[in-house]
Amino acid sequence: MNKKMISASVVYLGLIGAFVIRSLIMHNYEFLFYAVILSGFWGIIMKTDARLNYPALTLWLLTAWLATHLFGGTIYIGETRLYDLMLIQIVGEPYNILKYDQLIHFFCYLVMTRFVFIPVSSVLRSDAPIWLIGMMTILAGSGIGAINEMVEFAAVVAFDAGESVGGYTNTALDIVCNTIGAVVGWITLIGSAKKLQSK
């Protein structure tokens, strides 16, 4: 395992460990469920890094997202959970835009799209058109977002977490933010994709 992977893993898994302890203190067992999923995801990254060589920036962006996610689920400002905090009131009820939750969904799938670009670009032919690589990358990033929503649904069923996860409107807004994040993530990668094609 290379130095960048070791450094990012220490911080990533350290964050999860710290918030597992905090969740146990708070009796937030739903969050422990997420910690297991996130640890498994990082395990996949560690296992595939030798072949795919994830850029250090992308690893640290994912670690930064993890920190924002963990803070969102366990930190309260007064009586308001950070995930429910309204940052800028662009749209009021029933959509409540822009909340911390929506911003983190956007950021998460910007980062996830940067991740999936690496395996996607490695399996597509070098002469594949940029638009096709972009479409596959955005769909892959958004697909991870769909898996995330299924994980949240599993938490609702297992831990009766409906109040903290939200209803249909919240889920739909999550998907919109995930997709916008994936599109912006791809835009940040177009230059990299063109360089790969020119090699």
N, C-alpha and C. Protein backbone atom coordinates (compact mmCIF):
# COMPACT_ATOMS: atom_id res chain seq x y z
N MET A 1 0.86 -1.20 0.00
CA MET A 1 0.00 0.00 0.00
C MET A 1 0.89 1.24 0.00
N ASN A 2 0.59 2.21 -0.88
CA ASN A 2 1.44 3.40 -0.99
C ASN A 2 1.12 4.42 0.11
N LYS A 3 2.01 5.42 0.22
CA LYS A 3 1.91 6.39 1.32
C LYS A 3 0.61 7.17 1.30
N LYS A 4 0.17 7.58 0.10
CA LYS A 4 -1.06 8.39 0.03
C LYS A 4 -2.25 7.59 0.53
N MET A 5 -2.29 6.27 0.21
CA MET A 5 -3.39 5.42 0.64
C MET A 5 -3.33 5.20 2.14
N ILE A 6 -2.13 5.00 2.67
CA ILE A 6 -1.98 4.80 4.12
C ILE A 6 -2.43 6.04 4.88
N SER A 7 -1.97 7.22 4.43
CA SER A 7 -2.33 8.48 5.11
C SER A 7 -3.83 8.71 5.09
N ALA A 8 -4.45 8.56 3.91
CA ALA A 8 -5.89 8.78 3.79
C ALA A 8 -6.66 7.75 4.61
N SER A 9 -6.19 6.50 4.63
CA SER A 9 -6.87 5.44 5.38
C SER A 9 -6.84 5.71 6.87
N VAL A 10 -5.69 6.17 7.37
CA VAL A 10 -5.57 6.47 8.80
C VAL A 10 -6.59 7.54 9.20
N VAL A 11 -6.70 8.60 8.39
CA VAL A 11 -7.63 9.69 8.71
C VAL A 11 -9.07 9.22 8.56
N TYR A 12 -9.38 8.55 7.43
CA TYR A 12 -10.74 8.09 7.14
C TYR A 12 -11.24 7.14 8.23
N LEU A 13 -10.46 6.10 8.51
CA LEU A 13 -10.88 5.10 9.49
C LEU A 13 -10.83 5.67 10.91
N GLY A 14 -9.91 6.61 11.14
CA GLY A 14 -9.88 7.30 12.43
C GLY A 14 -11.14 8.10 12.68
N LEU A 15 -11.62 8.79 11.63
CA LEU A 15 -12.88 9.55 11.74
C LEU A 15 -14.04 8.62 12.06
N ILE A 16 -14.10 7.51 11.34
CA ILE A 16 -15.19 6.56 11.59
C ILE A 16 -15.12 6.04 13.02
N GLY A 17 -13.92 5.69 13.48
CA GLY A 17 -13.77 5.19 14.84
C GLY A 17 -14.22 6.20 15.88
N ALA A 18 -13.84 7.47 15.69
CA ALA A 18 -14.22 8.51 16.64
C ALA A 18 -15.73 8.69 16.70
N PHE A 19 -16.37 8.63 15.54
CA PHE A 19 -17.81 8.86 15.53
C PHE A 19 -18.60 7.61 15.91
N VAL A 20 -17.98 6.43 15.79
CA VAL A 20 -18.62 5.23 16.34
C VAL A 20 -18.71 5.37 17.86
N ILE A 21 -17.63 5.83 18.48
CA ILE A 21 -17.64 6.05 19.93
C ILE A 21 -18.70 7.08 20.30
N ARG A 22 -18.74 8.19 19.54
CA ARG A 22 -19.73 9.24 19.83
C ARG A 22 -21.16 8.70 19.66
N SER A 23 -21.37 7.89 18.61
CA SER A 23 -22.70 7.32 18.36
C SER A 23 -23.13 6.38 19.48
N LEU A 24 -22.18 5.60 20.01
CA LEU A 24 -22.49 4.71 21.12
C LEU A 24 -22.89 5.51 22.35
N ILE A 25 -22.17 6.61 22.59
CA ILE A 25 -22.50 7.47 23.73
C ILE A 25 -23.90 8.07 23.57
N MET A 26 -24.23 8.45 22.30
CA MET A 26 -25.53 9.07 22.02
C MET A 26 -26.64 8.04 21.79
N HIS A 27 -26.29 6.75 21.81
CA HIS A 27 -27.24 5.67 21.50
C HIS A 27 -27.83 5.82 20.10
N ASN A 28 -26.97 6.29 19.17
CA ASN A 28 -27.40 6.49 17.79
C ASN A 28 -27.00 5.26 16.97
N TYR A 29 -27.78 4.18 17.09
CA TYR A 29 -27.42 2.92 16.47
C TYR A 29 -27.60 2.94 14.95
N GLU A 30 -28.47 3.80 14.48
CA GLU A 30 -28.61 3.98 13.03
C GLU A 30 -27.28 4.40 12.43
N PHE A 31 -26.58 5.27 13.12
CA PHE A 31 -25.32 5.79 12.60
C PHE A 31 -24.24 4.70 12.58
N LEU A 32 -24.32 3.75 13.50
CA LEU A 32 -23.38 2.62 13.50
C LEU A 32 -23.57 1.78 12.24
N PHE A 33 -24.80 1.66 11.80
CA PHE A 33 -25.11 0.94 10.55
C PHE A 33 -24.40 1.62 9.38
N TYR A 34 -24.47 2.94 9.31
CA TYR A 34 -23.79 3.67 8.25
C TYR A 34 -22.28 3.50 8.34
N ALA A 35 -21.75 3.44 9.56
CA ALA A 35 -20.31 3.30 9.75
C ALA A 35 -19.81 1.99 9.16
N VAL A 36 -20.59 0.93 9.30
CA VAL A 36 -20.22 -0.38 8.72
C VAL A 36 -20.19 -0.28 7.20
N ILE A 37 -21.20 0.35 6.61
CA ILE A 37 -21.26 0.50 5.16
C ILE A 37 -20.07 1.31 4.65
N LEU A 38 -19.78 2.42 5.32
CA LEU A 38 -18.68 3.30 4.90
C LEU A 38 -17.32 2.62 5.05
N SER A 39 -17.18 1.80 6.07
CA SER A 39 -15.92 1.06 6.26
C SER A 39 -15.74 0.04 5.14
N GLY A 40 -16.83 -0.64 4.77
CA GLY A 40 -16.76 -1.60 3.66
C GLY A 40 -16.41 -0.92 2.35
N PHE A 41 -16.98 0.26 2.14
CA PHE A 41 -16.69 1.03 0.91
C PHE A 41 -15.20 1.37 0.85
N TRP A 42 -14.65 1.81 1.98
CA TRP A 42 -13.23 2.16 1.99
C TRP A 42 -12.37 0.91 1.76
N GLY A 43 -12.83 -0.23 2.27
CA GLY A 43 -12.11 -1.48 2.04
C GLY A 43 -11.99 -1.79 0.56
N ILE A 44 -13.05 -1.52 -0.19
CA ILE A 44 -13.03 -1.74 -1.65
C ILE A 44 -12.01 -0.80 -2.29
N ILE A 45 -11.98 0.45 -1.84
CA ILE A 45 -11.03 1.42 -2.38
C ILE A 45 -9.59 0.96 -2.11
N MET A 46 -9.34 0.51 -0.89
CA MET A 46 -7.99 0.04 -0.55
C MET A 46 -7.59 -1.16 -1.41
N LYS A 47 -8.53 -2.05 -1.64
CA LYS A 47 -8.24 -3.27 -2.40
C LYS A 47 -7.96 -2.97 -3.87
N THR A 48 -8.64 -1.95 -4.42
CA THR A 48 -8.51 -1.65 -5.86
C THR A 48 -7.49 -0.56 -6.17
N ASP A 49 -6.94 0.08 -5.14
CA ASP A 49 -6.03 1.20 -5.38
C ASP A 49 -4.76 0.76 -6.12
N ALA A 50 -4.25 -0.43 -5.82
CA ALA A 50 -3.02 -0.89 -6.47
C ALA A 50 -3.17 -0.94 -7.98
N ARG A 51 -4.37 -1.28 -8.43
CA ARG A 51 -4.61 -1.36 -9.88
C ARG A 51 -5.05 -0.04 -10.48
N LEU A 52 -5.90 0.69 -9.76
CA LEU A 52 -6.50 1.90 -10.34
C LEU A 52 -5.77 3.18 -9.96
N ASN A 53 -4.96 3.14 -8.89
CA ASN A 53 -4.14 4.29 -8.49
C ASN A 53 -4.97 5.56 -8.35
N TYR A 54 -5.87 5.57 -7.38
CA TYR A 54 -6.72 6.74 -7.16
C TYR A 54 -5.86 7.97 -6.84
N PRO A 55 -6.17 9.11 -7.45
CA PRO A 55 -5.40 10.33 -7.15
C PRO A 55 -5.54 10.73 -5.68
N ALA A 56 -4.46 11.27 -5.14
CA ALA A 56 -4.47 11.70 -3.74
C ALA A 56 -5.58 12.72 -3.49
N LEU A 57 -5.79 13.66 -4.43
CA LEU A 57 -6.83 14.67 -4.25
C LEU A 57 -8.19 14.02 -4.07
N THR A 58 -8.49 13.02 -4.86
CA THR A 58 -9.79 12.35 -4.78
C THR A 58 -9.95 11.62 -3.45
N LEU A 59 -8.88 10.97 -2.99
CA LEU A 59 -8.94 10.30 -1.69
C LEU A 59 -9.21 11.29 -0.56
N TRP A 60 -8.55 12.44 -0.61
CA TRP A 60 -8.74 13.44 0.45
C TRP A 60 -10.09 14.13 0.35
N LEU A 61 -10.60 14.28 -0.86
CA LEU A 61 -11.95 14.83 -1.01
C LEU A 61 -12.98 13.89 -0.38
N LEU A 62 -12.78 12.59 -0.60
CA LEU A 62 -13.70 11.62 0.01
C LEU A 62 -13.61 11.66 1.53
N THR A 63 -12.40 11.80 2.04
CA THR A 63 -12.22 11.90 3.49
C THR A 63 -12.89 13.16 4.03
N ALA A 64 -12.77 14.26 3.27
CA ALA A 64 -13.44 15.51 3.68
C ALA A 64 -14.94 15.33 3.68
N TRP A 65 -15.47 14.63 2.66
CA TRP A 65 -16.92 14.38 2.64
C TRP A 65 -17.33 13.57 3.85
N LEU A 66 -16.54 12.53 4.19
CA LEU A 66 -16.88 11.70 5.34
C LEU A 66 -17.01 12.55 6.60
N ALA A 67 -16.06 13.46 6.78
CA ALA A 67 -16.11 14.33 7.96
C ALA A 67 -17.39 15.16 7.98
N THR A 68 -17.76 15.74 6.82
CA THR A 68 -18.98 16.56 6.77
C THR A 68 -20.22 15.70 7.02
N HIS A 69 -20.20 14.45 6.54
CA HIS A 69 -21.33 13.54 6.76
C HIS A 69 -21.44 13.18 8.23
N LEU A 70 -20.32 12.84 8.84
CA LEU A 70 -20.33 12.45 10.24
C LEU A 70 -20.77 13.61 11.14
N PHE A 71 -20.27 14.81 10.85
CA PHE A 71 -20.71 15.99 11.60
C PHE A 71 -22.21 16.20 11.42
N GLY A 72 -22.69 16.06 10.18
CA GLY A 72 -24.09 16.30 9.89
C GLY A 72 -25.03 15.42 10.68
N GLY A 73 -24.62 14.16 10.91
CA GLY A 73 -25.50 13.22 11.59
C GLY A 73 -25.40 13.22 13.10
N THR A 74 -24.34 13.81 13.64
CA THR A 74 -24.12 13.67 15.09
C THR A 74 -23.96 15.00 15.83
N ILE A 75 -23.80 16.09 15.11
CA ILE A 75 -23.62 17.39 15.76
C ILE A 75 -24.94 18.16 15.75
N TYR A 76 -25.25 18.81 16.86
CA TYR A 76 -26.48 19.61 16.98
C TYR A 76 -26.11 21.06 17.26
N ILE A 77 -26.84 21.96 16.63
CA ILE A 77 -26.73 23.38 16.93
C ILE A 77 -28.03 23.75 17.64
N GLY A 78 -27.93 23.88 18.95
CA GLY A 78 -29.15 24.03 19.74
C GLY A 78 -29.92 22.72 19.68
N GLU A 79 -31.17 22.79 19.22
CA GLU A 79 -32.01 21.60 19.08
C GLU A 79 -31.99 21.06 17.66
N THR A 80 -31.26 21.73 16.77
CA THR A 80 -31.29 21.36 15.35
C THR A 80 -30.09 20.52 14.97
N ARG A 81 -30.38 19.33 14.43
CA ARG A 81 -29.29 18.50 13.91
C ARG A 81 -28.66 19.21 12.72
N LEU A 82 -27.34 19.13 12.59
CA LEU A 82 -26.64 19.87 11.54
C LEU A 82 -27.19 19.54 10.16
N TYR A 83 -27.54 18.29 9.91
CA TYR A 83 -28.10 17.91 8.61
C TYR A 83 -29.40 18.65 8.30
N ASP A 84 -30.13 19.06 9.32
CA ASP A 84 -31.41 19.74 9.12
C ASP A 84 -31.29 21.25 9.11
N LEU A 85 -30.06 21.74 9.26
CA LEU A 85 -29.85 23.19 9.36
C LEU A 85 -30.04 23.87 8.00
N MET A 86 -30.85 24.92 7.96
CA MET A 86 -31.02 25.72 6.76
C MET A 86 -29.82 26.66 6.63
N LEU A 87 -29.09 26.56 5.52
CA LEU A 87 -27.92 27.41 5.30
C LEU A 87 -28.33 28.73 4.68
N ILE A 88 -29.04 28.66 3.56
CA ILE A 88 -29.56 29.85 2.88
C ILE A 88 -30.97 29.52 2.43
N GLN A 89 -31.94 30.32 2.81
CA GLN A 89 -33.32 30.02 2.43
C GLN A 89 -33.57 30.53 1.00
N ILE A 90 -33.36 29.64 0.04
CA ILE A 90 -33.62 29.96 -1.37
C ILE A 90 -35.08 29.65 -1.70
N VAL A 91 -35.55 28.48 -1.22
CA VAL A 91 -36.95 28.06 -1.40
C VAL A 91 -37.47 27.60 -0.06
N GLY A 92 -38.69 28.00 0.29
CA GLY A 92 -39.27 27.63 1.58
C GLY A 92 -39.99 26.30 1.54
N GLU A 93 -40.99 26.14 2.40
CA GLU A 93 -41.76 24.90 2.49
C GLU A 93 -42.43 24.59 1.15
N PRO A 94 -42.57 23.30 0.78
CA PRO A 94 -42.13 22.12 1.54
C PRO A 94 -40.71 21.65 1.18
N TYR A 95 -40.01 22.43 0.29
CA TYR A 95 -38.74 21.95 -0.23
C TYR A 95 -37.54 22.34 0.64
N ASN A 96 -37.62 23.49 1.27
CA ASN A 96 -36.58 23.91 2.22
C ASN A 96 -35.17 23.82 1.63
N ILE A 97 -34.95 24.64 0.63
CA ILE A 97 -33.64 24.71 -0.04
C ILE A 97 -33.00 26.05 0.34
N LEU A 98 -31.81 26.07 0.83
CA LEU A 98 -30.72 25.12 0.77
C LEU A 98 -30.34 24.70 2.19
N LYS A 99 -30.51 23.39 2.49
CA LYS A 99 -30.11 22.87 3.78
C LYS A 99 -28.72 22.26 3.70
N TYR A 100 -28.10 22.08 4.85
CA TYR A 100 -26.80 21.43 4.94
C TYR A 100 -26.84 20.06 4.26
N ASP A 101 -27.91 19.33 4.47
CA ASP A 101 -28.09 17.99 3.89
C ASP A 101 -27.94 18.02 2.38
N GLN A 102 -28.60 18.98 1.73
CA GLN A 102 -28.56 19.06 0.27
C GLN A 102 -27.18 19.43 -0.24
N LEU A 103 -26.50 20.34 0.47
CA LEU A 103 -25.15 20.72 0.08
C LEU A 103 -24.20 19.52 0.17
N ILE A 104 -24.34 18.70 1.21
CA ILE A 104 -23.45 17.55 1.38
C ILE A 104 -23.76 16.47 0.35
N HIS A 105 -25.02 16.30 -0.01
CA HIS A 105 -25.35 15.36 -1.10
C HIS A 105 -24.68 15.81 -2.40
N PHE A 106 -24.75 17.10 -2.69
CA PHE A 106 -24.10 17.64 -3.89
C PHE A 106 -22.59 17.35 -3.85
N PHE A 107 -21.97 17.67 -2.73
CA PHE A 107 -20.52 17.49 -2.61
C PHE A 107 -20.14 16.01 -2.69
N CYS A 108 -20.93 15.15 -2.03
CA CYS A 108 -20.64 13.72 -2.02
C CYS A 108 -20.57 13.16 -3.44
N TYR A 109 -21.55 13.50 -4.27
CA TYR A 109 -21.61 12.87 -5.59
C TYR A 109 -20.73 13.57 -6.61
N LEU A 110 -20.29 14.78 -6.32
CA LEU A 110 -19.20 15.37 -7.07
C LEU A 110 -17.94 14.51 -6.84
N VAL A 111 -17.69 14.16 -5.58
CA VAL A 111 -16.51 13.36 -5.24
C VAL A 111 -16.65 11.93 -5.78
N MET A 112 -17.83 11.32 -5.61
CA MET A 112 -18.04 9.95 -6.08
C MET A 112 -17.85 9.85 -7.60
N THR A 113 -18.27 10.88 -8.30
CA THR A 113 -18.12 10.87 -9.75
C THR A 113 -16.65 10.92 -10.14
N ARG A 114 -15.86 11.66 -9.38
CA ARG A 114 -14.41 11.66 -9.62
C ARG A 114 -13.83 10.26 -9.40
N PHE A 115 -14.38 9.54 -8.42
CA PHE A 115 -13.92 8.18 -8.17
C PHE A 115 -14.28 7.24 -9.32
N VAL A 116 -15.54 7.26 -9.70
CA VAL A 116 -15.97 6.27 -10.70
C VAL A 116 -15.39 6.56 -12.07
N PHE A 117 -14.96 7.81 -12.30
CA PHE A 117 -14.32 8.14 -13.57
C PHE A 117 -13.09 7.26 -13.81
N ILE A 118 -12.40 6.91 -12.74
CA ILE A 118 -11.14 6.16 -12.87
C ILE A 118 -11.40 4.76 -13.43
N PRO A 119 -12.29 3.94 -12.83
CA PRO A 119 -12.56 2.65 -13.46
C PRO A 119 -13.30 2.76 -14.79
N VAL A 120 -14.21 3.75 -14.92
CA VAL A 120 -14.93 3.91 -16.19
C VAL A 120 -13.96 4.20 -17.32
N SER A 121 -13.02 5.12 -17.09
CA SER A 121 -12.07 5.49 -18.15
C SER A 121 -11.13 4.35 -18.48
N SER A 122 -10.91 3.45 -17.51
CA SER A 122 -9.97 2.34 -17.76
C SER A 122 -10.60 1.23 -18.61
N VAL A 123 -11.93 1.15 -18.63
CA VAL A 123 -12.57 0.08 -19.41
C VAL A 123 -13.10 0.56 -20.76
N LEU A 124 -13.25 1.86 -20.93
CA LEU A 124 -13.69 2.37 -22.23
C LEU A 124 -12.50 2.49 -23.17
N ARG A 125 -12.74 2.26 -24.44
CA ARG A 125 -11.67 2.40 -25.43
C ARG A 125 -11.15 3.83 -25.44
N SER A 126 -9.87 4.00 -25.72
CA SER A 126 -9.27 5.33 -25.70
C SER A 126 -9.89 6.25 -26.74
N ASP A 127 -10.51 5.66 -27.79
CA ASP A 127 -11.11 6.50 -28.82
C ASP A 127 -12.60 6.73 -28.60
N ALA A 128 -13.09 6.35 -27.41
CA ALA A 128 -14.50 6.59 -27.10
C ALA A 128 -14.75 8.09 -27.04
N PRO A 129 -15.90 8.56 -27.56
CA PRO A 129 -16.18 9.99 -27.52
C PRO A 129 -16.33 10.50 -26.09
N ILE A 130 -15.91 11.75 -25.90
CA ILE A 130 -15.97 12.36 -24.56
C ILE A 130 -17.38 12.32 -23.99
N TRP A 131 -18.38 12.55 -24.84
CA TRP A 131 -19.75 12.59 -24.33
C TRP A 131 -20.16 11.23 -23.75
N LEU A 132 -19.67 10.12 -24.37
CA LEU A 132 -20.01 8.78 -23.88
C LEU A 132 -19.32 8.51 -22.54
N ILE A 133 -18.04 8.89 -22.45
CA ILE A 133 -17.34 8.72 -21.18
C ILE A 133 -18.04 9.55 -20.09
N GLY A 134 -18.45 10.77 -20.45
CA GLY A 134 -19.15 11.64 -19.50
C GLY A 134 -20.46 11.03 -19.05
N MET A 135 -21.24 10.51 -20.00
CA MET A 135 -22.54 9.93 -19.66
C MET A 135 -22.37 8.72 -18.74
N MET A 136 -21.40 7.85 -19.06
CA MET A 136 -21.17 6.67 -18.24
C MET A 136 -20.70 7.06 -16.83
N THR A 137 -19.85 8.08 -16.77
CA THR A 137 -19.33 8.53 -15.47
C THR A 137 -20.44 9.12 -14.62
N ILE A 138 -21.28 9.97 -15.22
CA ILE A 138 -22.38 10.60 -14.48
C ILE A 138 -23.38 9.54 -14.01
N LEU A 139 -23.70 8.58 -14.90
CA LEU A 139 -24.65 7.53 -14.53
C LEU A 139 -24.09 6.66 -13.41
N ALA A 140 -22.79 6.37 -13.47
CA ALA A 140 -22.16 5.56 -12.42
C ALA A 140 -22.18 6.30 -11.08
N GLY A 141 -21.83 7.59 -11.12
CA GLY A 141 -21.86 8.39 -9.89
C GLY A 141 -23.26 8.49 -9.32
N SER A 142 -24.24 8.73 -10.18
CA SER A 142 -25.64 8.83 -9.73
C SER A 142 -26.14 7.48 -9.22
N GLY A 143 -25.64 6.40 -9.82
CA GLY A 143 -26.04 5.05 -9.39
C GLY A 143 -25.63 4.78 -7.95
N ILE A 144 -24.46 5.27 -7.56
CA ILE A 144 -24.04 5.14 -6.16
C ILE A 144 -25.02 5.91 -5.27
N GLY A 145 -25.51 7.05 -5.79
CA GLY A 145 -26.50 7.82 -5.05
C GLY A 145 -27.77 7.01 -4.81
N ALA A 146 -28.18 6.23 -5.82
CA ALA A 146 -29.38 5.39 -5.66
C ALA A 146 -29.14 4.33 -4.58
N ILE A 147 -27.93 3.75 -4.56
CA ILE A 147 -27.60 2.77 -3.53
C ILE A 147 -27.66 3.41 -2.15
N ASN A 148 -27.17 4.66 -2.06
CA ASN A 148 -27.22 5.38 -0.78
C ASN A 148 -28.66 5.54 -0.29
N GLU A 149 -29.58 5.85 -1.21
CA GLU A 149 -30.97 6.02 -0.82
C GLU A 149 -31.56 4.69 -0.34
N MET A 150 -31.12 3.58 -0.94
CA MET A 150 -31.59 2.27 -0.48
C MET A 150 -31.05 1.96 0.92
N VAL A 151 -29.80 2.38 1.17
CA VAL A 151 -29.22 2.20 2.51
C VAL A 151 -30.02 3.01 3.53
N GLU A 152 -30.39 4.25 3.16
CA GLU A 152 -31.21 5.08 4.06
C GLU A 152 -32.57 4.42 4.32
N PHE A 153 -33.15 3.83 3.27
CA PHE A 153 -34.43 3.15 3.43
C PHE A 153 -34.29 1.95 4.37
N ALA A 154 -33.17 1.22 4.23
CA ALA A 154 -32.91 0.09 5.12
C ALA A 154 -32.82 0.56 6.57
N ALA A 155 -32.21 1.75 6.76
CA ALA A 155 -32.11 2.31 8.12
C ALA A 155 -33.49 2.66 8.67
N VAL A 156 -34.37 3.17 7.80
CA VAL A 156 -35.74 3.50 8.22
C VAL A 156 -36.44 2.24 8.71
N VAL A 157 -36.28 1.15 7.94
CA VAL A 157 -36.95 -0.11 8.30
C VAL A 157 -36.34 -0.71 9.56
N ALA A 158 -35.01 -0.71 9.64
CA ALA A 158 -34.33 -1.40 10.74
C ALA A 158 -34.35 -0.61 12.05
N PHE A 159 -34.27 0.72 11.94
CA PHE A 159 -34.09 1.53 13.15
C PHE A 159 -35.21 2.54 13.36
N ASP A 160 -36.27 2.42 12.55
CA ASP A 160 -37.38 3.37 12.67
C ASP A 160 -36.87 4.80 12.61
N ALA A 161 -36.03 5.06 11.56
CA ALA A 161 -35.34 6.35 11.45
C ALA A 161 -36.04 7.31 10.50
N GLY A 162 -37.32 7.11 10.29
CA GLY A 162 -38.03 7.93 9.31
C GLY A 162 -37.94 9.42 9.57
N GLU A 163 -37.99 9.81 10.84
CA GLU A 163 -37.95 11.23 11.17
C GLU A 163 -36.63 11.87 10.80
N SER A 164 -35.52 11.16 11.04
CA SER A 164 -34.21 11.76 10.77
C SER A 164 -33.84 11.67 9.29
N VAL A 165 -34.33 10.65 8.60
CA VAL A 165 -33.99 10.49 7.18
C VAL A 165 -34.88 11.37 6.31
N GLY A 166 -36.15 11.50 6.64
CA GLY A 166 -37.04 12.35 5.86
C GLY A 166 -37.97 11.53 4.99
N GLY A 167 -38.95 12.21 4.34
CA GLY A 167 -39.94 11.53 3.52
C GLY A 167 -39.63 11.59 2.04
N TYR A 168 -40.70 11.48 1.25
CA TYR A 168 -40.56 11.41 -0.21
C TYR A 168 -39.89 12.66 -0.77
N THR A 169 -40.31 13.84 -0.33
CA THR A 169 -39.74 15.08 -0.85
C THR A 169 -38.25 15.14 -0.57
N ASN A 170 -37.85 14.74 0.65
CA ASN A 170 -36.44 14.74 1.00
C ASN A 170 -35.65 13.79 0.10
N THR A 171 -36.21 12.59 -0.14
CA THR A 171 -35.53 11.62 -1.00
C THR A 171 -35.37 12.15 -2.41
N ALA A 172 -36.44 12.76 -2.94
CA ALA A 172 -36.38 13.31 -4.30
C ALA A 172 -35.34 14.42 -4.39
N LEU A 173 -35.30 15.30 -3.39
CA LEU A 173 -34.30 16.37 -3.39
C LEU A 173 -32.89 15.81 -3.26
N ASP A 174 -32.73 14.74 -2.48
CA ASP A 174 -31.42 14.09 -2.38
C ASP A 174 -30.96 13.61 -3.76
N ILE A 175 -31.87 12.98 -4.50
CA ILE A 175 -31.52 12.46 -5.83
C ILE A 175 -31.15 13.60 -6.78
N VAL A 176 -31.89 14.70 -6.72
CA VAL A 176 -31.57 15.86 -7.55
C VAL A 176 -30.18 16.40 -7.21
N CYS A 177 -29.90 16.56 -5.91
CA CYS A 177 -28.59 17.07 -5.49
C CYS A 177 -27.48 16.10 -5.86
N ASN A 178 -27.75 14.78 -5.72
CA ASN A 178 -26.76 13.77 -6.12
C ASN A 178 -26.41 13.93 -7.60
N THR A 179 -27.43 14.10 -8.43
CA THR A 179 -27.22 14.16 -9.87
C THR A 179 -26.50 15.45 -10.27
N ILE A 180 -26.89 16.57 -9.67
CA ILE A 180 -26.19 17.83 -9.95
C ILE A 180 -24.72 17.71 -9.55
N GLY A 181 -24.48 17.09 -8.39
CA GLY A 181 -23.10 16.87 -7.96
C GLY A 181 -22.34 16.01 -8.95
N ALA A 182 -22.97 14.95 -9.47
CA ALA A 182 -22.33 14.07 -10.45
C ALA A 182 -21.99 14.83 -11.73
N VAL A 183 -22.91 15.68 -12.19
CA VAL A 183 -22.66 16.46 -13.41
C VAL A 183 -21.49 17.43 -13.20
N VAL A 184 -21.49 18.14 -12.07
CA VAL A 184 -20.40 19.07 -11.79
C VAL A 184 -19.08 18.30 -11.62
N GLY A 185 -19.16 17.12 -10.98
CA GLY A 185 -17.96 16.29 -10.86
C GLY A 185 -17.38 15.94 -12.21
N TRP A 186 -18.25 15.59 -13.17
CA TRP A 186 -17.78 15.28 -14.53
C TRP A 186 -17.15 16.50 -15.18
N ILE A 187 -17.77 17.66 -15.01
CA ILE A 187 -17.23 18.89 -15.61
C ILE A 187 -15.79 19.13 -15.13
N THR A 188 -15.52 18.82 -13.85
CA THR A 188 -14.16 19.00 -13.33
C THR A 188 -13.18 17.99 -13.91
N LEU A 189 -13.71 16.96 -14.58
CA LEU A 189 -12.86 15.87 -15.09
C LEU A 189 -12.66 15.91 -16.60
N ILE A 190 -13.36 16.80 -17.30
CA ILE A 190 -13.28 16.79 -18.76
C ILE A 190 -11.85 16.96 -19.26
N GLY A 191 -11.11 17.86 -18.62
CA GLY A 191 -9.71 18.06 -19.01
C GLY A 191 -8.89 16.79 -18.85
N SER A 192 -9.09 16.07 -17.74
CA SER A 192 -8.38 14.81 -17.49
C SER A 192 -8.75 13.77 -18.53
N ALA A 193 -10.04 13.72 -18.90
CA ALA A 193 -10.49 12.75 -19.89
C ALA A 193 -9.84 13.01 -21.25
N LYS A 194 -9.73 14.27 -21.63
CA LYS A 194 -9.13 14.62 -22.91
C LYS A 194 -7.63 14.29 -22.93
N LYS A 195 -6.97 14.48 -21.77
CA LYS A 195 -5.55 14.14 -21.69
C LYS A 195 -5.33 12.64 -21.85
N LEU A 196 -6.25 11.83 -21.23
CA LEU A 196 -6.13 10.39 -21.37
C LEU A 196 -6.29 9.95 -22.82
N GLN A 197 -7.19 10.62 -23.53
CA GLN A 197 -7.41 10.26 -24.93
C GLN A 197 -6.23 10.64 -25.82
N SER A 198 -5.52 11.68 -25.43
CA SER A 198 -4.42 12.16 -26.28
C SER A 198 -3.15 11.34 -26.11
N LYS A 199 -3.12 10.46 -25.08
CA LYS A 199 -1.91 9.65 -24.84
C LYS A 199 -1.79 8.53 -25.85
